[in-house]
Each structure stands twice: as C-alpha cells, then as structure tokens.
Amino acid sequence: MFGKLLIVAMLAALAVGFAARSSHGAGPERTYVVHPTDTLWSIAARSYAGDPRQGVWEIEQRNHLATDTLRPGQKLVLPG
C-alpha cells in the first residue's frame, strides 16, 4: 500500500513540476502570422530558448493543433 501511495505522490509531483515549467514563459503571449516557408520547428527554434521540441509542443497545445501542417497567413499564439 505504501509503495503505491509513494508512486502516486511521485507522479503527482512530476506532473505539477512539468505544468509549472511549461506555463512559465519569458514574457507575454504574442501572435505570429505563418509565412510560406515556416514550419512548427522553425518557429519554435526562432522563438524559444533551449530545446525547440518544447516550443513545438507548447505551440501545438496553445493553438489546439491536431497536425503539424501550417498554412501561410495562419495566426498562431506563441506562449510567452
């Protein structure tokens, strides 16, 4: 019983830590208009310090993107 409780507590701590990390940005959200050659990766690499994979994930989550296909002129909210 104690082992299961310990595992649940550790998973909860990890979830809270991850949520806190992803919700604390470097600034306010901003709107970005997609250009013809843009990809999620290129936008994340230009817009976020550190690992672009985290930026791609945050852009996908914030904009409720089901695929990584972008359209020129599409507006994306970039988390701060």
PDB file of N, CA and C in Angstrom:
ATOM      1  N   MET A   1       0.827  -1.195   0.000  1.00  0.00           N
ATOM      2  CA  MET A   1       0.000   0.000   0.000  1.00  0.00           C
ATOM      3  C   MET A   1       0.874   1.263   0.000  1.00  0.00           C
ATOM      4  N   PHE A   2       1.897   1.260   0.863  1.00  0.00           N
ATOM      5  CA  PHE A   2       2.768   2.426   0.942  1.00  0.00           C
ATOM      6  C   PHE A   2       3.491   2.658  -0.380  1.00  0.00           C
ATOM      7  N   GLY A   3       3.890   1.575  -1.039  1.00  0.00           N
ATOM      8  CA  GLY A   3       4.579   1.689  -2.329  1.00  0.00           C
ATOM      9  C   GLY A   3       3.710   2.341  -3.386  1.00  0.00           C
ATOM     10  N   LYS A   4       2.436   1.959  -3.427  1.00  0.00           N
ATOM     11  CA  LYS A   4       1.513   2.556  -4.396  1.00  0.00           C
ATOM     12  C   LYS A   4       1.307   4.034  -4.107  1.00  0.00           C
ATOM     13  N   LEU A   5       1.183   4.367  -2.822  1.00  0.00           N
ATOM     14  CA  LEU A   5       0.999   5.765  -2.436  1.00  0.00           C
ATOM     15  C   LEU A   5       2.227   6.590  -2.810  1.00  0.00           C
ATOM     16  N   LEU A   6       3.393   6.021  -2.607  1.00  0.00           N
ATOM     17  CA  LEU A   6       4.633   6.710  -2.957  1.00  0.00           C
ATOM     18  C   LEU A   6       4.709   6.955  -4.466  1.00  0.00           C
ATOM     19  N   ILE A   7       4.337   5.967  -5.255  1.00  0.00           N
ATOM     20  CA  ILE A   7       4.354   6.121  -6.715  1.00  0.00           C
ATOM     21  C   ILE A   7       3.380   7.204  -7.155  1.00  0.00           C
ATOM     22  N   VAL A   8       2.177   7.209  -6.587  1.00  0.00           N
ATOM     23  CA  VAL A   8       1.181   8.229  -6.930  1.00  0.00           C
ATOM     24  C   VAL A   8       1.696   9.612  -6.556  1.00  0.00           C
ATOM     25  N   ALA A   9       2.313   9.735  -5.389  1.00  0.00           N
ATOM     26  CA  ALA A   9       2.846  11.028  -4.953  1.00  0.00           C
ATOM     27  C   ALA A   9       3.962  11.500  -5.884  1.00  0.00           C
ATOM     28  N   MET A  10       4.820  10.586  -6.313  1.00  0.00           N
ATOM     29  CA  MET A  10       5.907  10.965  -7.216  1.00  0.00           C
ATOM     30  C   MET A  10       5.370  11.394  -8.578  1.00  0.00           C
ATOM     31  N   LEU A  11       4.379  10.675  -9.091  1.00  0.00           N
ATOM     32  CA  LEU A  11       3.782  11.057 -10.371  1.00  0.00           C
ATOM     33  C   LEU A  11       3.100  12.419 -10.280  1.00  0.00           C
ATOM     34  N   ALA A  12       2.422  12.673  -9.173  1.00  0.00           N
ATOM     35  CA  ALA A  12       1.767  13.970  -8.988  1.00  0.00           C
ATOM     36  C   ALA A  12       2.808  15.090  -8.944  1.00  0.00           C
ATOM     37  N   ALA A  13       3.911  14.855  -8.250  1.00  0.00           N
ATOM     38  CA  ALA A  13       4.968  15.870  -8.172  1.00  0.00           C
ATOM     39  C   ALA A  13       5.563  16.143  -9.551  1.00  0.00           C
ATOM     40  N   LEU A  14       5.762  15.099 -10.340  1.00  0.00           N
ATOM     41  CA  LEU A  14       6.275  15.293 -11.696  1.00  0.00           C
ATOM     42  C   LEU A  14       5.297  16.083 -12.553  1.00  0.00           C
ATOM     43  N   ALA A  15       4.015  15.767 -12.447  1.00  0.00           N
ATOM     44  CA  ALA A  15       3.004  16.470 -13.240  1.00  0.00           C
ATOM     45  C   ALA A  15       2.947  17.943 -12.865  1.00  0.00           C
ATOM     46  N   VAL A  16       2.994  18.244 -11.585  1.00  0.00           N
ATOM     47  CA  VAL A  16       2.961  19.639 -11.137  1.00  0.00           C
ATOM     48  C   VAL A  16       4.212  20.370 -11.605  1.00  0.00           C
ATOM     49  N   GLY A  17       5.352  19.729 -11.505  1.00  0.00           N
ATOM     50  CA  GLY A  17       6.597  20.353 -11.957  1.00  0.00           C
ATOM     51  C   GLY A  17       6.597  20.626 -13.443  1.00  0.00           C
ATOM     52  N   PHE A  18       6.094  19.686 -14.236  1.00  0.00           N
ATOM     53  CA  PHE A  18       6.034  19.874 -15.680  1.00  0.00           C
ATOM     54  C   PHE A  18       5.059  20.987 -16.034  1.00  0.00           C
ATOM     55  N   ALA A  19       3.900  21.023 -15.395  1.00  0.00           N
ATOM     56  CA  ALA A  19       2.914  22.069 -15.675  1.00  0.00           C
ATOM     57  C   ALA A  19       3.476  23.438 -15.311  1.00  0.00           C
ATOM     58  N   ALA A  20       4.171  23.527 -14.205  1.00  0.00           N
ATOM     59  CA  ALA A  20       4.754  24.805 -13.798  1.00  0.00           C
ATOM     60  C   ALA A  20       5.818  25.248 -14.789  1.00  0.00           C
ATOM     61  N   ARG A  21       6.619  24.315 -15.272  1.00  0.00           N
ATOM     62  CA  ARG A  21       7.677  24.656 -16.223  1.00  0.00           C
ATOM     63  C   ARG A  21       7.108  25.157 -17.536  1.00  0.00           C
ATOM     64  N   SER A  22       6.077  24.494 -18.047  1.00  0.00           N
ATOM     65  CA  SER A  22       5.553  24.871 -19.352  1.00  0.00           C
ATOM     66  C   SER A  22       4.695  26.124 -19.294  1.00  0.00           C
ATOM     67  N   SER A  23       4.159  26.469 -18.127  1.00  0.00           N
ATOM     68  CA  SER A  23       3.295  27.638 -18.055  1.00  0.00           C
ATOM     69  C   SER A  23       4.056  28.915 -17.712  1.00  0.00           C
ATOM     70  N   HIS A  24       5.316  28.817 -17.339  1.00  0.00           N
ATOM     71  CA  HIS A  24       6.114  29.996 -17.018  1.00  0.00           C
ATOM     72  C   HIS A  24       6.951  30.366 -18.228  1.00  0.00           C
ATOM     73  N   GLY A  25       6.549  31.385 -18.922  1.00  0.00           N
ATOM     74  CA  GLY A  25       7.276  31.796 -20.109  1.00  0.00           C
ATOM     75  C   GLY A  25       8.187  32.964 -19.821  1.00  0.00           C
ATOM     76  N   ALA A  26       8.851  33.403 -20.855  1.00  0.00           N
ATOM     77  CA  ALA A  26       9.771  34.522 -20.732  1.00  0.00           C
ATOM     78  C   ALA A  26       9.056  35.854 -20.903  1.00  0.00           C
ATOM     79  N   GLY A  27       7.789  35.839 -21.246  1.00  0.00           N
ATOM     80  CA  GLY A  27       7.057  37.076 -21.447  1.00  0.00           C
ATOM     81  C   GLY A  27       5.622  36.797 -21.828  1.00  0.00           C
ATOM     82  N   PRO A  28       4.950  37.828 -22.297  1.00  0.00           N
ATOM     83  CA  PRO A  28       3.537  37.664 -22.660  1.00  0.00           C
ATOM     84  C   PRO A  28       3.364  36.869 -23.953  1.00  0.00           C
ATOM     85  N   GLU A  29       2.176  36.321 -24.107  1.00  0.00           N
ATOM     86  CA  GLU A  29       1.859  35.640 -25.361  1.00  0.00           C
ATOM     87  C   GLU A  29       1.892  36.648 -26.495  1.00  0.00           C
ATOM     88  N   ARG A  30       2.177  36.145 -27.695  1.00  0.00           N
ATOM     89  CA  ARG A  30       2.173  37.022 -28.864  1.00  0.00           C
ATOM     90  C   ARG A  30       1.587  36.260 -30.043  1.00  0.00           C
ATOM     91  N   THR A  31       1.087  37.005 -31.007  1.00  0.00           N
ATOM     92  CA  THR A  31       0.505  36.408 -32.203  1.00  0.00           C
ATOM     93  C   THR A  31       1.549  36.400 -33.310  1.00  0.00           C
ATOM     94  N   TYR A  32       1.620  35.299 -34.021  1.00  0.00           N
ATOM     95  CA  TYR A  32       2.563  35.143 -35.123  1.00  0.00           C
ATOM     96  C   TYR A  32       1.781  34.738 -36.364  1.00  0.00           C
ATOM     97  N   VAL A  33       2.066  35.389 -37.492  1.00  0.00           N
ATOM     98  CA  VAL A  33       1.428  35.048 -38.763  1.00  0.00           C
ATOM     99  C   VAL A  33       2.392  34.157 -39.550  1.00  0.00           C
ATOM    100  N   VAL A  34       1.920  32.984 -39.937  1.00  0.00           N
ATOM    101  CA  VAL A  34       2.740  31.980 -40.621  1.00  0.00           C
ATOM    102  C   VAL A  34       3.105  32.449 -42.028  1.00  0.00           C
ATOM    103  N   HIS A  35       4.391  32.295 -42.371  1.00  0.00           N
ATOM    104  CA  HIS A  35       4.911  32.592 -43.708  1.00  0.00           C
ATOM    105  C   HIS A  35       4.971  31.301 -44.529  1.00  0.00           C
ATOM    106  N   PRO A  36       5.080  31.412 -45.856  1.00  0.00           N
ATOM    107  CA  PRO A  36       5.047  30.214 -46.717  1.00  0.00           C
ATOM    108  C   PRO A  36       6.081  29.136 -46.377  1.00  0.00           C
ATOM    109  N   THR A  37       7.253  29.514 -45.921  1.00  0.00           N
ATOM    110  CA  THR A  37       8.296  28.513 -45.654  1.00  0.00           C
ATOM    111  C   THR A  37       8.363  28.083 -44.188  1.00  0.00           C
ATOM    112  N   ASP A  38       7.481  28.585 -43.349  1.00  0.00           N
ATOM    113  CA  ASP A  38       7.516  28.273 -41.917  1.00  0.00           C
ATOM    114  C   ASP A  38       7.105  26.836 -41.624  1.00  0.00           C
ATOM    115  N   THR A  39       7.728  26.284 -40.600  1.00  0.00           N
ATOM    116  CA  THR A  39       7.324  25.015 -40.009  1.00  0.00           C
ATOM    117  C   THR A  39       7.208  25.247 -38.506  1.00  0.00           C
ATOM    118  N   LEU A  40       6.539  24.349 -37.806  1.00  0.00           N
ATOM    119  CA  LEU A  40       6.481  24.485 -36.348  1.00  0.00           C
ATOM    120  C   LEU A  40       7.889  24.496 -35.763  1.00  0.00           C
ATOM    121  N   TRP A  41       8.744  23.651 -36.314  1.00  0.00           N
ATOM    122  CA  TRP A  41      10.121  23.572 -35.806  1.00  0.00           C
ATOM    123  C   TRP A  41      10.851  24.898 -36.004  1.00  0.00           C
ATOM    124  N   SER A  42      10.736  25.492 -37.189  1.00  0.00           N
ATOM    125  CA  SER A  42      11.465  26.740 -37.447  1.00  0.00           C
ATOM    126  C   SER A  42      10.936  27.874 -36.573  1.00  0.00           C
ATOM    127  N   ILE A  43       9.629  27.913 -36.364  1.00  0.00           N
ATOM    128  CA  ILE A  43       9.048  28.948 -35.499  1.00  0.00           C
ATOM    129  C   ILE A  43       9.531  28.751 -34.070  1.00  0.00           C
ATOM    130  N   ALA A  44       9.493  27.517 -33.579  1.00  0.00           N
ATOM    131  CA  ALA A  44       9.931  27.234 -32.211  1.00  0.00           C
ATOM    132  C   ALA A  44      11.415  27.529 -32.034  1.00  0.00           C
ATOM    133  N   ALA A  45      12.228  27.178 -33.025  1.00  0.00           N
ATOM    134  CA  ALA A  45      13.669  27.414 -32.926  1.00  0.00           C
ATOM    135  C   ALA A  45      13.988  28.905 -32.854  1.00  0.00           C
ATOM    136  N   ARG A  46      13.223  29.728 -33.570  1.00  0.00           N
ATOM    137  CA  ARG A  46      13.445  31.180 -33.544  1.00  0.00           C
ATOM    138  C   ARG A  46      12.852  31.830 -32.298  1.00  0.00           C
ATOM    139  N   SER A  47      11.788  31.261 -31.763  1.00  0.00           N
ATOM    140  CA  SER A  47      11.004  31.943 -30.737  1.00  0.00           C
ATOM    141  C   SER A  47      11.298  31.509 -29.309  1.00  0.00           C
ATOM    142  N   TYR A  48      11.960  30.364 -29.128  1.00  0.00           N
ATOM    143  CA  TYR A  48      12.178  29.829 -27.784  1.00  0.00           C
ATOM    144  C   TYR A  48      13.646  29.538 -27.554  1.00  0.00           C
ATOM    145  N   ALA A  49      14.106  29.854 -26.360  1.00  0.00           N
ATOM    146  CA  ALA A  49      15.458  29.479 -25.970  1.00  0.00           C
ATOM    147  C   ALA A  49      15.425  28.013 -25.554  1.00  0.00           C
ATOM    148  N   GLY A  50      16.496  27.318 -25.778  1.00  0.00           N
ATOM    149  CA  GLY A  50      16.548  25.919 -25.360  1.00  0.00           C
ATOM    150  C   GLY A  50      16.076  24.976 -26.451  1.00  0.00           C
ATOM    151  N   ASP A  51      15.532  23.864 -26.033  1.00  0.00           N
ATOM    152  CA  ASP A  51      15.136  22.778 -26.926  1.00  0.00           C
ATOM    153  C   ASP A  51      13.895  23.146 -27.735  1.00  0.00           C
ATOM    154  N   PRO A  52      13.999  23.198 -29.065  1.00  0.00           N
ATOM    155  CA  PRO A  52      12.833  23.539 -29.894  1.00  0.00           C
ATOM    156  C   PRO A  52      11.669  22.564 -29.737  1.00  0.00           C
ATOM    157  N   ARG A  53      11.954  21.321 -29.316  1.00  0.00           N
ATOM    158  CA  ARG A  53      10.862  20.358 -29.124  1.00  0.00           C
ATOM    159  C   ARG A  53       9.859  20.849 -28.093  1.00  0.00           C
ATOM    160  N   GLN A  54      10.339  21.498 -27.043  1.00  0.00           N
ATOM    161  CA  GLN A  54       9.438  22.049 -26.027  1.00  0.00           C
ATOM    162  C   GLN A  54       8.608  23.171 -26.635  1.00  0.00           C
ATOM    163  N   GLY A  55       9.225  24.010 -27.453  1.00  0.00           N
ATOM    164  CA  GLY A  55       8.497  25.083 -28.120  1.00  0.00           C
ATOM    165  C   GLY A  55       7.439  24.560 -29.069  1.00  0.00           C
ATOM    166  N   VAL A  56       7.771  23.518 -29.839  1.00  0.00           N
ATOM    167  CA  VAL A  56       6.792  22.906 -30.749  1.00  0.00           C
ATOM    168  C   VAL A  56       5.611  22.396 -29.943  1.00  0.00           C
ATOM    169  N   TRP A  57       5.894  21.692 -28.851  1.00  0.00           N
ATOM    170  CA  TRP A  57       4.824  21.141 -28.013  1.00  0.00           C
ATOM    171  C   TRP A  57       3.927  22.260 -27.471  1.00  0.00           C
ATOM    172  N   GLU A  58       4.540  23.338 -26.976  1.00  0.00           N
ATOM    173  CA  GLU A  58       3.755  24.437 -26.412  1.00  0.00           C
ATOM    174  C   GLU A  58       2.906  25.128 -27.480  1.00  0.00           C
ATOM    175  N   ILE A  59       3.451  25.327 -28.669  1.00  0.00           N
ATOM    176  CA  ILE A  59       2.677  25.939 -29.759  1.00  0.00           C
ATOM    177  C   ILE A  59       1.502  25.039 -30.128  1.00  0.00           C
ATOM    178  N   GLU A  60       1.760  23.738 -30.251  1.00  0.00           N
ATOM    179  CA  GLU A  60       0.680  22.799 -30.585  1.00  0.00           C
ATOM    180  C   GLU A  60      -0.419  22.821 -29.531  1.00  0.00           C
ATOM    181  N   GLN A  61      -0.031  22.806 -28.265  1.00  0.00           N
ATOM    182  CA  GLN A  61      -1.014  22.793 -27.183  1.00  0.00           C
ATOM    183  C   GLN A  61      -1.808  24.091 -27.133  1.00  0.00           C
ATOM    184  N   ARG A  62      -1.128  25.218 -27.209  1.00  0.00           N
ATOM    185  CA  ARG A  62      -1.790  26.524 -27.079  1.00  0.00           C
ATOM    186  C   ARG A  62      -2.760  26.785 -28.219  1.00  0.00           C
ATOM    187  N   ASN A  63      -2.442  26.262 -29.406  1.00  0.00           N
ATOM    188  CA  ASN A  63      -3.268  26.519 -30.586  1.00  0.00           C
ATOM    189  C   ASN A  63      -4.167  25.342 -30.961  1.00  0.00           C
ATOM    190  N   HIS A  64      -4.184  24.311 -30.124  1.00  0.00           N
ATOM    191  CA  HIS A  64      -5.042  23.136 -30.340  1.00  0.00           C
ATOM    192  C   HIS A  64      -4.829  22.551 -31.736  1.00  0.00           C
ATOM    193  N   LEU A  65      -3.567  22.383 -32.116  1.00  0.00           N
ATOM    194  CA  LEU A  65      -3.238  21.863 -33.444  1.00  0.00           C
ATOM    195  C   LEU A  65      -3.291  20.337 -33.434  1.00  0.00           C
ATOM    196  N   ALA A  66      -4.033  19.773 -34.364  1.00  0.00           N
ATOM    197  CA  ALA A  66      -4.135  18.317 -34.482  1.00  0.00           C
ATOM    198  C   ALA A  66      -3.024  17.751 -35.365  1.00  0.00           C
ATOM    199  N   THR A  67      -2.476  18.578 -36.249  1.00  0.00           N
ATOM    200  CA  THR A  67      -1.378  18.154 -37.124  1.00  0.00           C
ATOM    201  C   THR A  67      -0.309  19.241 -37.111  1.00  0.00           C
ATOM    202  N   ASP A  68       0.816  18.937 -37.726  1.00  0.00           N
ATOM    203  CA  ASP A  68       1.885  19.939 -37.798  1.00  0.00           C
ATOM    204  C   ASP A  68       1.842  20.726 -39.102  1.00  0.00           C
ATOM    205  N   THR A  69       0.759  20.597 -39.858  1.00  0.00           N
ATOM    206  CA  THR A  69       0.603  21.318 -41.121  1.00  0.00           C
ATOM    207  C   THR A  69       0.180  22.758 -40.848  1.00  0.00           C
ATOM    208  N   LEU A  70       0.941  23.696 -41.390  1.00  0.00           N
ATOM    209  CA  LEU A  70       0.628  25.119 -41.243  1.00  0.00           C
ATOM    210  C   LEU A  70       0.264  25.693 -42.604  1.00  0.00           C
ATOM    211  N   ARG A  71      -0.571  26.736 -42.586  1.00  0.00           N
ATOM    212  CA  ARG A  71      -0.969  27.420 -43.819  1.00  0.00           C
ATOM    213  C   ARG A  71      -0.447  28.855 -43.781  1.00  0.00           C
ATOM    214  N   PRO A  72       0.114  29.350 -44.884  1.00  0.00           N
ATOM    215  CA  PRO A  72       0.533  30.755 -44.918  1.00  0.00           C
ATOM    216  C   PRO A  72      -0.654  31.651 -44.560  1.00  0.00           C
ATOM    217  N   GLY A  73      -0.391  32.626 -43.702  1.00  0.00           N
ATOM    218  CA  GLY A  73      -1.438  33.529 -43.246  1.00  0.00           C
ATOM    219  C   GLY A  73      -2.116  33.075 -41.968  1.00  0.00           C
ATOM    220  N   GLN A  74      -1.913  31.816 -41.587  1.00  0.00           N
ATOM    221  CA  GLN A  74      -2.498  31.291 -40.351  1.00  0.00           C
ATOM    222  C   GLN A  74      -1.908  32.044 -39.167  1.00  0.00           C
ATOM    223  N   LYS A  75      -2.747  32.357 -38.187  1.00  0.00           N
ATOM    224  CA  LYS A  75      -2.273  33.049 -36.986  1.00  0.00           C
ATOM    225  C   LYS A  75      -2.089  32.034 -35.867  1.00  0.00           C
ATOM    226  N   LEU A  76      -0.937  32.107 -35.234  1.00  0.00           N
ATOM    227  CA  LEU A  76      -0.623  31.247 -34.102  1.00  0.00           C
ATOM    228  C   LEU A  76      -0.381  32.107 -32.878  1.00  0.00           C
ATOM    229  N   VAL A  77      -0.817  31.633 -31.736  1.00  0.00           N
ATOM    230  CA  VAL A  77      -0.478  32.279 -30.477  1.00  0.00           C
ATOM    231  C   VAL A  77       0.772  31.583 -29.957  1.00  0.00           C
ATOM    232  N   LEU A  78       1.824  32.366 -29.737  1.00  0.00           N
ATOM    233  CA  LEU A  78       3.070  31.829 -29.196  1.00  0.00           C
ATOM    234  C   LEU A  78       3.100  32.117 -27.705  1.00  0.00           C
ATOM    235  N   PRO A  79       3.104  31.071 -26.877  1.00  0.00           N
ATOM    236  CA  PRO A  79       3.166  31.284 -25.434  1.00  0.00           C
ATOM    237  C   PRO A  79       4.429  32.043 -25.059  1.00  0.00           C
ATOM    238  N   GLY A  80       4.328  32.864 -24.021  1.00  0.00           N
ATOM    239  CA  GLY A  80       5.466  33.666 -23.580  1.00  0.00           C
ATOM    240  C   GLY A  80       6.536  32.867 -22.924  1.00  0.00           C
TER     241      GLY A  80
END
